[in-house]
Amino acid sequence: MNNIRDLPMERLLEEIRTDVRETAYLTGRTTLDPRVVDAFSRVSRHAFVPDGMGASAYDNHPLPIGHGQTISQPYIVALMTDLICPRPEHVVLEVGTGSGYQAAVLSGLVHRVYSVEIIQALAEQARARLGRLGYGNVEVRVGNGHLGWPEHAPYDGILVTAAAEDVPAALLEQLRPGGYMAIPVGLSHFAQQLKLIHKHLDGSIEDHNVLPVVFVPLVDATTQ
């Protein structure tokens, strides 16, 4: 760890462990995969928050990043990463790049991350930031997340960082049999659920609610 974040990161990790224990009755998880915790601890969150917010970078809550978007609560980032069961050989799709923070966490766990962001300014900033910080296995493009990134499908895991009205059909199609998708569903901030989707080897779909969440909406450019 870098000195600037040693103590704040240790405090944050302890808060995440507490959140995991306290939500175990909903998530079914009393701990997170040690690989996920290690990858999470190696990402300097202060590098992904706006100037002037460094003092809050390791607080366990979301922060605004401009354009009406947020960098997610660290506990939720860690949990969603754990839910898709990342492995070193996996190729993962992220929908909603934002600042690039979630992609950076995934970068240390999988072979390749493809990330789609509908807001051009955020996509360009995230691409530059990830490149500058050395996350060479992450590719970012501007696009409609509802449509995924079909050129690189199928994906071993899909992680969606904004709330959709329903699970987009294109994302289900692009999920590899055997793979997992973590996605918040629901347009009202008072009725969103983080869902875990499992595509079985025979192509059948199983999903269940993990826990209530609050995310910004997933914008669908085809309806604009």
C-alpha atoms as a PDB file:
ATOM      1  CA  MET A   1       0.000   0.000   0.000  1.00  0.00           C
ATOM      2  CA  ASN A   2       1.013   3.591  -0.520  1.00  0.00           C
ATOM      3  CA  ASN A   3       1.547   5.630   2.655  1.00  0.00           C
ATOM      4  CA  ILE A   4      -1.222   8.066   1.693  1.00  0.00           C
ATOM      5  CA  ARG A   5      -3.822   5.326   2.084  1.00  0.00           C
ATOM      6  CA  ASP A   6      -2.448   2.704   4.505  1.00  0.00           C
ATOM      7  CA  LEU A   7      -4.524   3.609   7.564  1.00  0.00           C
ATOM      8  CA  PRO A   8      -7.640   4.802   5.663  1.00  0.00           C
ATOM      9  CA  MET A   9      -7.635   1.574   3.625  1.00  0.00           C
ATOM     10  CA  GLU A  10      -7.291  -0.603   6.713  1.00  0.00           C
ATOM     11  CA  ARG A  11     -10.204   1.243   8.310  1.00  0.00           C
ATOM     12  CA  LEU A  12     -12.266   0.879   5.146  1.00  0.00           C
ATOM     13  CA  LEU A  13     -11.546  -2.852   4.891  1.00  0.00           C
ATOM     14  CA  GLU A  14     -12.691  -3.330   8.471  1.00  0.00           C
ATOM     15  CA  GLU A  15     -15.908  -1.424   7.750  1.00  0.00           C
ATOM     16  CA  ILE A  16     -16.514  -3.621   4.703  1.00  0.00           C
ATOM     17  CA  ARG A  17     -15.964  -6.780   6.776  1.00  0.00           C
ATOM     18  CA  THR A  18     -18.536  -5.467   9.242  1.00  0.00           C
ATOM     19  CA  ASP A  19     -21.027  -4.705   6.457  1.00  0.00           C
ATOM     20  CA  VAL A  20     -20.522  -8.195   5.017  1.00  0.00           C
ATOM     21  CA  ARG A  21     -21.281  -9.787   8.383  1.00  0.00           C
ATOM     22  CA  GLU A  22     -24.297  -7.556   9.013  1.00  0.00           C
ATOM     23  CA  THR A  23     -25.841  -8.258   5.592  1.00  0.00           C
ATOM     24  CA  ALA A  24     -25.054 -11.979   5.529  1.00  0.00           C
ATOM     25  CA  TYR A  25     -28.702 -12.801   6.249  1.00  0.00           C
ATOM     26  CA  LEU A  26     -29.536 -11.193   2.883  1.00  0.00           C
ATOM     27  CA  THR A  27     -26.501 -12.038   0.754  1.00  0.00           C
ATOM     28  CA  GLY A  28     -25.655 -15.472   2.102  1.00  0.00           C
ATOM     29  CA  ARG A  29     -22.027 -14.357   2.367  1.00  0.00           C
ATOM     30  CA  THR A  30     -20.305 -14.063   5.748  1.00  0.00           C
ATOM     31  CA  THR A  31     -16.935 -13.286   4.135  1.00  0.00           C
ATOM     32  CA  LEU A  32     -15.615 -12.227   0.749  1.00  0.00           C
ATOM     33  CA  ASP A  33     -13.178 -14.178  -1.401  1.00  0.00           C
ATOM     34  CA  PRO A  34      -9.647 -13.275  -0.156  1.00  0.00           C
ATOM     35  CA  ARG A  35      -8.632 -12.667  -3.780  1.00  0.00           C
ATOM     36  CA  VAL A  36     -11.344 -10.028  -4.085  1.00  0.00           C
ATOM     37  CA  VAL A  37     -10.295  -8.363  -0.835  1.00  0.00           C
ATOM     38  CA  ASP A  38      -6.657  -8.328  -1.943  1.00  0.00           C
ATOM     39  CA  ALA A  39      -7.466  -6.839  -5.360  1.00  0.00           C
ATOM     40  CA  PHE A  40      -9.739  -4.258  -3.745  1.00  0.00           C
ATOM     41  CA  SER A  41      -7.034  -3.243  -1.266  1.00  0.00           C
ATOM     42  CA  ARG A  42      -4.554  -2.610  -4.085  1.00  0.00           C
ATOM     43  CA  VAL A  43      -6.674   0.054  -5.795  1.00  0.00           C
ATOM     44  CA  SER A  44      -6.118   3.622  -4.604  1.00  0.00           C
ATOM     45  CA  ARG A  45      -9.647   5.009  -4.455  1.00  0.00           C
ATOM     46  CA  HIS A  46      -8.344   8.549  -4.032  1.00  0.00           C
ATOM     47  CA  ALA A  47      -7.093   8.359  -7.637  1.00  0.00           C
ATOM     48  CA  PHE A  48     -10.678   7.884  -8.861  1.00  0.00           C
ATOM     49  CA  VAL A  49     -12.504  10.655  -6.996  1.00  0.00           C
ATOM     50  CA  PRO A  50     -12.746  14.303  -8.110  1.00  0.00           C
ATOM     51  CA  ASP A  51     -10.213  16.875  -6.994  1.00  0.00           C
ATOM     52  CA  GLY A  52     -11.062  18.173  -3.556  1.00  0.00           C
ATOM     53  CA  MET A  53     -12.664  14.916  -2.393  1.00  0.00           C
ATOM     54  CA  GLY A  54      -9.496  13.077  -1.441  1.00  0.00           C
ATOM     55  CA  ALA A  55     -10.272  13.366   2.261  1.00  0.00           C
ATOM     56  CA  SER A  56     -13.468  11.351   1.682  1.00  0.00           C
ATOM     57  CA  ALA A  57     -11.969   8.812  -0.718  1.00  0.00           C
ATOM     58  CA  TYR A  58     -11.793   5.989   1.832  1.00  0.00           C
ATOM     59  CA  ASP A  59     -15.135   6.635   3.475  1.00  0.00           C
ATOM     60  CA  ASN A  60     -17.578   3.788   2.963  1.00  0.00           C
ATOM     61  CA  HIS A  61     -20.138   5.696   0.922  1.00  0.00           C
ATOM     62  CA  PRO A  62     -20.665   6.816  -2.685  1.00  0.00           C
ATOM     63  CA  LEU A  63     -19.321  10.136  -3.943  1.00  0.00           C
ATOM     64  CA  PRO A  64     -20.401  12.353  -6.858  1.00  0.00           C
ATOM     65  CA  ILE A  65     -18.130  12.325  -9.922  1.00  0.00           C
ATOM     66  CA  GLY A  66     -20.021  14.828 -12.069  1.00  0.00           C
ATOM     67  CA  HIS A  67     -22.581  14.444 -14.870  1.00  0.00           C
ATOM     68  CA  GLY A  68     -25.123  13.206 -12.321  1.00  0.00           C
ATOM     69  CA  GLN A  69     -23.081  10.048 -11.676  1.00  0.00           C
ATOM     70  CA  THR A  70     -21.373   8.567  -8.618  1.00  0.00           C
ATOM     71  CA  ILE A  71     -18.490   6.340  -7.617  1.00  0.00           C
ATOM     72  CA  SER A  72     -20.175   3.483  -5.765  1.00  0.00           C
ATOM     73  CA  GLN A  73     -19.957   2.700  -2.068  1.00  0.00           C
ATOM     74  CA  PRO A  74     -16.812   0.590  -1.509  1.00  0.00           C
ATOM     75  CA  TYR A  75     -18.751  -2.199   0.227  1.00  0.00           C
ATOM     76  CA  ILE A  76     -21.050  -2.514  -2.796  1.00  0.00           C
ATOM     77  CA  VAL A  77     -18.061  -2.524  -5.169  1.00  0.00           C
ATOM     78  CA  ALA A  78     -16.446  -5.332  -3.203  1.00  0.00           C
ATOM     79  CA  LEU A  79     -19.691  -7.296  -2.885  1.00  0.00           C
ATOM     80  CA  MET A  80     -20.630  -7.044  -6.569  1.00  0.00           C
ATOM     81  CA  THR A  81     -17.117  -8.074  -7.550  1.00  0.00           C
ATOM     82  CA  ASP A  82     -17.378 -11.110  -5.279  1.00  0.00           C
ATOM     83  CA  LEU A  83     -20.829 -12.037  -6.615  1.00  0.00           C
ATOM     84  CA  ILE A  84     -19.641 -12.637 -10.184  1.00  0.00           C
ATOM     85  CA  CYS A  85     -16.948 -15.094  -8.976  1.00  0.00           C
ATOM     86  CA  PRO A  86     -14.038 -13.606 -10.994  1.00  0.00           C
ATOM     87  CA  ARG A  87     -11.173 -15.893 -12.035  1.00  0.00           C
ATOM     88  CA  PRO A  88      -7.792 -15.096 -13.641  1.00  0.00           C
ATOM     89  CA  GLU A  89      -8.817 -16.479 -17.040  1.00  0.00           C
ATOM     90  CA  HIS A  90     -12.139 -14.626 -17.171  1.00  0.00           C
ATOM     91  CA  VAL A  91     -13.213 -11.897 -19.566  1.00  0.00           C
ATOM     92  CA  VAL A  92     -15.683  -9.524 -17.896  1.00  0.00           C
ATOM     93  CA  LEU A  93     -18.029  -6.835 -19.178  1.00  0.00           C
ATOM     94  CA  GLU A  94     -18.706  -3.780 -17.027  1.00  0.00           C
ATOM     95  CA  VAL A  95     -21.654  -1.563 -17.892  1.00  0.00           C
ATOM     96  CA  GLY A  96     -21.187   1.964 -16.544  1.00  0.00           C
ATOM     97  CA  THR A  97     -17.488   2.845 -16.356  1.00  0.00           C
ATOM     98  CA  GLY A  98     -17.970   6.020 -14.336  1.00  0.00           C
ATOM     99  CA  SER A  99     -14.593   7.033 -12.920  1.00  0.00           C
ATOM    100  CA  GLY A 100     -13.047   3.637 -13.725  1.00  0.00           C
ATOM    101  CA  TYR A 101     -12.834   2.496 -10.104  1.00  0.00           C
ATOM    102  CA  GLN A 102     -14.831  -0.734 -10.426  1.00  0.00           C
ATOM    103  CA  ALA A 103     -12.928  -1.633 -13.600  1.00  0.00           C
ATOM    104  CA  ALA A 104      -9.647  -1.129 -11.744  1.00  0.00           C
ATOM    105  CA  VAL A 105     -10.725  -3.558  -9.026  1.00  0.00           C
ATOM    106  CA  LEU A 106     -11.754  -6.127 -11.639  1.00  0.00           C
ATOM    107  CA  SER A 107      -8.483  -5.588 -13.498  1.00  0.00           C
ATOM    108  CA  GLY A 108      -6.514  -7.308 -10.753  1.00  0.00           C
ATOM    109  CA  LEU A 109      -8.753 -10.382 -10.808  1.00  0.00           C
ATOM    110  CA  VAL A 110      -9.454 -11.258 -14.430  1.00  0.00           C
ATOM    111  CA  HIS A 111      -7.739 -11.543 -17.799  1.00  0.00           C
ATOM    112  CA  ARG A 112      -9.610  -8.708 -19.530  1.00  0.00           C
ATOM    113  CA  VAL A 113     -12.209  -6.069 -18.685  1.00  0.00           C
ATOM    114  CA  TYR A 114     -14.373  -4.409 -21.331  1.00  0.00           C
ATOM    115  CA  SER A 115     -16.222  -1.378 -19.969  1.00  0.00           C
ATOM    116  CA  VAL A 116     -18.997   0.637 -21.618  1.00  0.00           C
ATOM    117  CA  GLU A 117     -19.895   4.195 -20.585  1.00  0.00           C
ATOM    118  CA  ILE A 118     -22.657   6.242 -22.227  1.00  0.00           C
ATOM    119  CA  ILE A 119     -21.321   9.648 -21.102  1.00  0.00           C
ATOM    120  CA  GLN A 120     -18.445  10.527 -23.425  1.00  0.00           C
ATOM    121  CA  ALA A 121     -16.636  12.850 -21.013  1.00  0.00           C
ATOM    122  CA  LEU A 122     -16.587  10.200 -18.276  1.00  0.00           C
ATOM    123  CA  ALA A 123     -15.455   7.507 -20.709  1.00  0.00           C
ATOM    124  CA  GLU A 124     -12.570   9.635 -21.948  1.00  0.00           C
ATOM    125  CA  GLN A 125     -11.517  10.593 -18.423  1.00  0.00           C
ATOM    126  CA  ALA A 126     -11.692   7.003 -17.213  1.00  0.00           C
ATOM    127  CA  ARG A 127      -9.750   5.703 -20.208  1.00  0.00           C
ATOM    128  CA  ALA A 128      -6.979   8.227 -19.609  1.00  0.00           C
ATOM    129  CA  ARG A 129      -6.943   7.608 -15.848  1.00  0.00           C
ATOM    130  CA  LEU A 130      -6.806   3.824 -16.167  1.00  0.00           C
ATOM    131  CA  GLY A 131      -4.034   4.080 -18.735  1.00  0.00           C
ATOM    132  CA  ARG A 132      -2.034   6.497 -16.596  1.00  0.00           C
ATOM    133  CA  LEU A 133      -2.350   4.207 -13.571  1.00  0.00           C
ATOM    134  CA  GLY A 134      -1.219   1.156 -15.505  1.00  0.00           C
ATOM    135  CA  TYR A 135      -4.443  -0.840 -15.827  1.00  0.00           C
ATOM    136  CA  GLY A 136      -3.496  -2.213 -19.211  1.00  0.00           C
ATOM    137  CA  ASN A 137      -6.084  -5.004 -19.386  1.00  0.00           C
ATOM    138  CA  VAL A 138      -9.075  -2.632 -19.297  1.00  0.00           C
ATOM    139  CA  GLU A 139     -10.645  -1.277 -22.489  1.00  0.00           C
ATOM    140  CA  VAL A 140     -13.240   1.515 -22.331  1.00  0.00           C
ATOM    141  CA  ARG A 141     -15.597   2.659 -25.027  1.00  0.00           C
ATOM    142  CA  VAL A 142     -18.507   5.069 -25.344  1.00  0.00           C
ATOM    143  CA  GLY A 143     -21.726   3.173 -25.905  1.00  0.00           C
ATOM    144  CA  ASN A 144     -25.213   2.211 -24.790  1.00  0.00           C
ATOM    145  CA  GLY A 145     -24.824  -0.190 -21.900  1.00  0.00           C
ATOM    146  CA  HIS A 146     -28.212  -1.768 -22.596  1.00  0.00           C
ATOM    147  CA  LEU A 147     -26.638  -3.230 -25.732  1.00  0.00           C
ATOM    148  CA  GLY A 148     -23.482  -4.463 -24.022  1.00  0.00           C
ATOM    149  CA  TRP A 149     -20.374  -4.980 -26.160  1.00  0.00           C
ATOM    150  CA  PRO A 150     -21.245  -7.874 -28.482  1.00  0.00           C
ATOM    151  CA  GLU A 151     -17.909  -7.944 -30.327  1.00  0.00           C
ATOM    152  CA  HIS A 152     -16.155  -9.506 -27.341  1.00  0.00           C
ATOM    153  CA  ALA A 153     -18.988 -11.713 -26.074  1.00  0.00           C
ATOM    154  CA  PRO A 154     -19.625 -14.112 -24.497  1.00  0.00           C
ATOM    155  CA  TYR A 155     -18.461 -12.867 -21.095  1.00  0.00           C
ATOM    156  CA  ASP A 156     -17.651 -14.975 -18.057  1.00  0.00           C
ATOM    157  CA  GLY A 157     -19.127 -12.252 -15.868  1.00  0.00           C
ATOM    158  CA  ILE A 158     -21.093  -9.029 -16.313  1.00  0.00           C
ATOM    159  CA  LEU A 159     -21.245  -6.263 -13.727  1.00  0.00           C
ATOM    160  CA  VAL A 160     -23.710  -3.387 -14.139  1.00  0.00           C
ATOM    161  CA  THR A 161     -23.152  -0.246 -12.069  1.00  0.00           C
ATOM    162  CA  ALA A 162     -26.463   1.542 -12.725  1.00  0.00           C
ATOM    163  CA  ALA A 163     -30.071   0.505 -12.159  1.00  0.00           C
ATOM    164  CA  ALA A 164     -32.058  -0.868 -15.079  1.00  0.00           C
ATOM    165  CA  GLU A 165     -35.834  -1.138 -15.291  1.00  0.00           C
ATOM    166  CA  ASP A 166     -35.401  -4.796 -16.259  1.00  0.00           C
ATOM    167  CA  VAL A 167     -32.414  -7.014 -17.019  1.00  0.00           C
ATOM    168  CA  PRO A 168     -31.452  -6.078 -20.615  1.00  0.00           C
ATOM    169  CA  ALA A 169     -31.940  -8.987 -23.016  1.00  0.00           C
ATOM    170  CA  ALA A 170     -28.677  -8.190 -24.812  1.00  0.00           C
ATOM    171  CA  LEU A 171     -26.709  -8.636 -21.605  1.00  0.00           C
ATOM    172  CA  LEU A 172     -28.327 -12.000 -20.911  1.00  0.00           C
ATOM    173  CA  GLU A 173     -27.429 -13.051 -24.451  1.00  0.00           C
ATOM    174  CA  GLN A 174     -23.804 -11.982 -23.989  1.00  0.00           C
ATOM    175  CA  LEU A 175     -23.350 -13.842 -20.689  1.00  0.00           C
ATOM    176  CA  ARG A 176     -21.504 -17.122 -21.146  1.00  0.00           C
ATOM    177  CA  PRO A 177     -23.294 -20.272 -19.934  1.00  0.00           C
ATOM    178  CA  GLY A 178     -22.009 -20.857 -16.422  1.00  0.00           C
ATOM    179  CA  GLY A 179     -21.424 -17.134 -15.885  1.00  0.00           C
ATOM    180  CA  TYR A 180     -22.836 -14.615 -13.418  1.00  0.00           C
ATOM    181  CA  MET A 181     -24.226 -11.096 -13.750  1.00  0.00           C
ATOM    182  CA  ALA A 182     -24.648  -8.622 -10.877  1.00  0.00           C
ATOM    183  CA  ILE A 183     -27.134  -5.881 -11.726  1.00  0.00           C
ATOM    184  CA  PRO A 184     -29.311  -3.429  -9.763  1.00  0.00           C
ATOM    185  CA  VAL A 185     -32.914  -3.463 -11.005  1.00  0.00           C
ATOM    186  CA  GLY A 186     -35.662  -0.935 -10.307  1.00  0.00           C
ATOM    187  CA  LEU A 187     -36.139   2.703 -11.250  1.00  0.00           C
ATOM    188  CA  SER A 188     -37.284   3.999  -7.866  1.00  0.00           C
ATOM    189  CA  HIS A 189     -34.563   4.645  -5.289  1.00  0.00           C
ATOM    190  CA  PHE A 190     -36.933   3.044  -2.780  1.00  0.00           C
ATOM    191  CA  ALA A 191     -37.485  -0.164  -4.755  1.00  0.00           C
ATOM    192  CA  GLN A 192     -34.147  -1.189  -6.242  1.00  0.00           C
ATOM    193  CA  GLN A 193     -32.763  -4.668  -5.714  1.00  0.00           C
ATOM    194  CA  LEU A 194     -29.283  -5.910  -6.481  1.00  0.00           C
ATOM    195  CA  LYS A 195     -29.872  -9.100  -8.455  1.00  0.00           C
ATOM    196  CA  LEU A 196     -27.511 -11.977  -9.090  1.00  0.00           C
ATOM    197  CA  ILE A 197     -28.160 -13.692 -12.402  1.00  0.00           C
ATOM    198  CA  HIS A 198     -26.748 -17.154 -13.090  1.00  0.00           C
ATOM    199  CA  LYS A 199     -26.822 -18.548 -16.605  1.00  0.00           C
ATOM    200  CA  HIS A 200     -26.690 -22.302 -16.285  1.00  0.00           C
ATOM    201  CA  LEU A 201     -24.720 -24.453 -18.707  1.00  0.00           C
ATOM    202  CA  ASP A 202     -27.952 -25.418 -20.466  1.00  0.00           C
ATOM    203  CA  GLY A 203     -28.721 -21.724 -21.047  1.00  0.00           C
ATOM    204  CA  SER A 204     -31.488 -21.473 -18.461  1.00  0.00           C
ATOM    205  CA  ILE A 205     -31.543 -18.367 -16.277  1.00  0.00           C
ATOM    206  CA  GLU A 206     -31.778 -18.240 -12.495  1.00  0.00           C
ATOM    207  CA  ASP A 207     -31.919 -14.981 -10.572  1.00  0.00           C
ATOM    208  CA  HIS A 208     -32.435 -13.906  -7.014  1.00  0.00           C
ATOM    209  CA  ASN A 209     -32.480 -10.667  -5.057  1.00  0.00           C
ATOM    210  CA  VAL A 210     -29.327 -10.045  -3.031  1.00  0.00           C
ATOM    211  CA  LEU A 211     -30.149  -6.866  -1.102  1.00  0.00           C
ATOM    212  CA  PRO A 212     -31.796  -3.436  -1.476  1.00  0.00           C
ATOM    213  CA  VAL A 213     -29.549  -0.808  -3.102  1.00  0.00           C
ATOM    214  CA  VAL A 214     -29.622   2.744  -4.448  1.00  0.00           C
ATOM    215  CA  PHE A 215     -28.008   3.389  -7.838  1.00  0.00           C
ATOM    216  CA  VAL A 216     -28.298   6.067 -10.497  1.00  0.00           C
ATOM    217  CA  PRO A 217     -30.448   4.909 -13.450  1.00  0.00           C
ATOM    218  CA  LEU A 218     -28.981   3.050 -16.400  1.00  0.00           C
ATOM    219  CA  VAL A 219     -29.540   5.347 -19.378  1.00  0.00           C
ATOM    220  CA  ASP A 220     -30.843   3.690 -22.538  1.00  0.00           C
ATOM    221  CA  ALA A 221     -29.846   5.791 -25.545  1.00  0.00           C
ATOM    222  CA  THR A 222     -32.359   3.985 -27.770  1.00  0.00           C
ATOM    223  CA  THR A 223     -35.231   5.603 -25.848  1.00  0.00           C
ATOM    224  CA  GLN A 224     -33.831   9.135 -25.839  1.00  0.00           C
END
